[in-house]
């Protein structure tokens, strides 16, 4: 299982140790609609990792789709992990990151987890 940590994202995306990472709620806006997802902020920059999309996005650009990153606090609650910023809340399964990334990172378990 892929460990659900900021250090995993640092290694996976090759982020230098000098750049601080923190959890965030990524707010995507388009045509009056708003969607919230889990993100990892590269503090001091306008770059954020969209965890579900496995890619970087840039905040603050006035485009058709715009992004805002709101720093969040991570808290384990049973089999879930909850991210909150006071007003917003995202709850994901403890296996969330593993479910998305397990085929992207080699591990001994990989050969047994994948179906052919």
Protein backbone atom coordinates (compact mmCIF):
# COMPACT_ATOMS: atom_id res chain seq x y z
CA UNK A 1 0.00 0.00 0.00
CA UNK A 2 1.27 3.48 -0.87
CA UNK A 3 1.82 5.51 2.31
CA UNK A 4 -0.48 8.51 2.64
CA UNK A 5 2.13 11.19 3.42
CA UNK A 6 3.65 14.41 2.14
CA UNK A 7 7.00 12.63 1.78
CA UNK A 8 5.40 10.27 -0.76
CA UNK A 9 4.39 13.25 -2.92
CA UNK A 10 7.85 14.81 -2.54
CA UNK A 11 9.46 11.63 -3.90
CA UNK A 12 6.85 10.90 -6.57
CA UNK A 13 6.92 14.42 -8.07
CA UNK A 14 10.68 14.95 -7.39
CA UNK A 15 10.15 18.08 -5.31
CA UNK A 16 13.36 19.46 -3.77
CA UNK A 17 13.64 19.30 0.02
CA UNK A 18 13.95 23.09 0.21
CA UNK A 19 10.30 23.51 -0.84
CA UNK A 20 7.84 23.08 2.04
CA UNK A 21 4.73 21.00 1.35
CA UNK A 22 1.38 21.14 3.11
CA UNK A 23 -2.07 19.64 2.63
CA UNK A 24 -4.74 21.79 1.08
CA UNK A 25 -8.26 21.76 -0.25
CA UNK A 26 -8.05 22.54 -3.94
CA UNK A 27 -11.06 24.52 -5.12
CA UNK A 28 -11.70 24.37 -8.87
CA UNK A 29 -14.10 26.91 -10.39
CA UNK A 30 -15.60 26.87 -13.88
CA UNK A 31 -18.73 28.56 -15.25
CA UNK A 32 -20.16 29.20 -11.81
CA UNK A 33 -19.55 25.64 -10.60
CA UNK A 34 -17.20 24.76 -7.79
CA UNK A 35 -15.54 21.44 -7.02
CA UNK A 36 -13.31 20.63 -4.03
CA UNK A 37 -10.52 18.08 -4.12
CA UNK A 38 -7.52 17.10 -2.05
CA UNK A 39 -4.29 18.87 -2.92
CA UNK A 40 -0.70 19.31 -1.83
CA UNK A 41 0.59 22.89 -1.83
CA UNK A 42 4.16 23.80 -2.70
CA UNK A 43 4.34 26.57 -0.11
CA UNK A 44 5.63 29.91 -1.34
CA UNK A 45 4.67 29.14 -4.94
CA UNK A 46 1.46 29.15 -6.98
CA UNK A 47 1.80 25.41 -7.73
CA UNK A 48 -0.42 22.70 -6.25
CA UNK A 49 -0.58 18.96 -6.81
CA UNK A 50 -4.09 17.79 -7.67
CA UNK A 51 -3.92 14.44 -5.87
CA UNK A 52 -6.70 12.74 -7.85
CA UNK A 53 -5.48 13.98 -11.25
CA UNK A 54 -1.81 13.22 -10.45
CA UNK A 55 -0.65 16.54 -11.89
CA UNK A 56 0.36 20.08 -11.00
CA UNK A 57 -2.07 22.98 -11.36
CA UNK A 58 -1.43 26.69 -10.98
CA UNK A 59 -3.51 28.89 -8.72
CA UNK A 60 -4.53 32.50 -9.23
CA UNK A 61 -4.83 32.54 -13.02
CA UNK A 62 -8.04 34.12 -14.38
CA UNK A 63 -8.86 31.41 -16.90
CA UNK A 64 -11.90 29.34 -17.93
CA UNK A 65 -10.98 26.94 -15.13
CA UNK A 66 -9.40 28.58 -12.10
CA UNK A 67 -7.93 27.08 -8.94
CA UNK A 68 -7.62 28.21 -5.35
CA UNK A 69 -5.62 26.35 -2.72
CA UNK A 70 -6.79 26.60 0.88
CA UNK A 71 -4.38 25.19 3.53
CA UNK A 72 -5.98 22.31 5.42
CA UNK A 73 -5.39 20.34 8.61
CA UNK A 74 -5.23 16.56 8.30
CA UNK A 75 -6.83 14.36 10.95
CA UNK A 76 -7.35 10.59 11.06
CA UNK A 77 -10.87 9.47 11.97
CA UNK A 78 -11.25 5.70 12.05
CA UNK A 79 -10.72 4.31 8.53
CA UNK A 80 -10.90 7.80 7.03
CA UNK A 81 -8.70 10.86 6.81
CA UNK A 82 -10.38 14.25 7.12
CA UNK A 83 -8.99 17.54 5.77
CA UNK A 84 -10.52 20.78 7.06
CA UNK A 85 -9.86 24.50 6.81
CA UNK A 86 -12.70 25.60 9.07
CA UNK A 87 -15.36 26.10 6.40
CA UNK A 88 -14.52 23.26 4.03
CA UNK A 89 -14.16 19.56 4.72
CA UNK A 90 -12.97 16.64 2.61
CA UNK A 91 -13.14 13.09 3.93
CA UNK A 92 -11.34 10.29 2.09
CA UNK A 93 -10.65 6.64 2.81
CA UNK A 94 -7.27 5.83 4.34
CA UNK A 95 -6.52 3.91 1.12
CA UNK A 96 -7.33 6.94 -1.11
CA UNK A 97 -3.76 7.68 -2.22
CA UNK A 98 -2.95 4.00 -2.61
CA UNK A 99 -6.06 3.46 -4.74
CA UNK A 100 -4.95 6.23 -7.12
CA UNK A 101 -1.17 5.73 -7.19
CA UNK A 102 -0.51 2.01 -6.57
CA UNK A 103 -0.05 1.22 -10.27
CA UNK A 104 2.33 4.17 -10.67
CA UNK A 105 4.87 3.15 -8.01
CA UNK A 106 6.68 -0.18 -7.98
CA UNK A 107 6.33 -2.32 -4.89
CA UNK A 108 6.52 -6.04 -4.18
CA UNK A 109 2.74 -6.05 -3.73
CA UNK A 110 2.17 -4.69 -7.23
CA UNK A 111 2.37 -8.05 -8.97
CA UNK A 112 -0.35 -9.40 -6.66
CA UNK A 113 -2.59 -6.34 -6.68
CA UNK A 114 -3.00 -5.97 -10.44
CA UNK A 115 -5.46 -8.05 -12.36
CA UNK A 116 -4.42 -9.16 -15.83
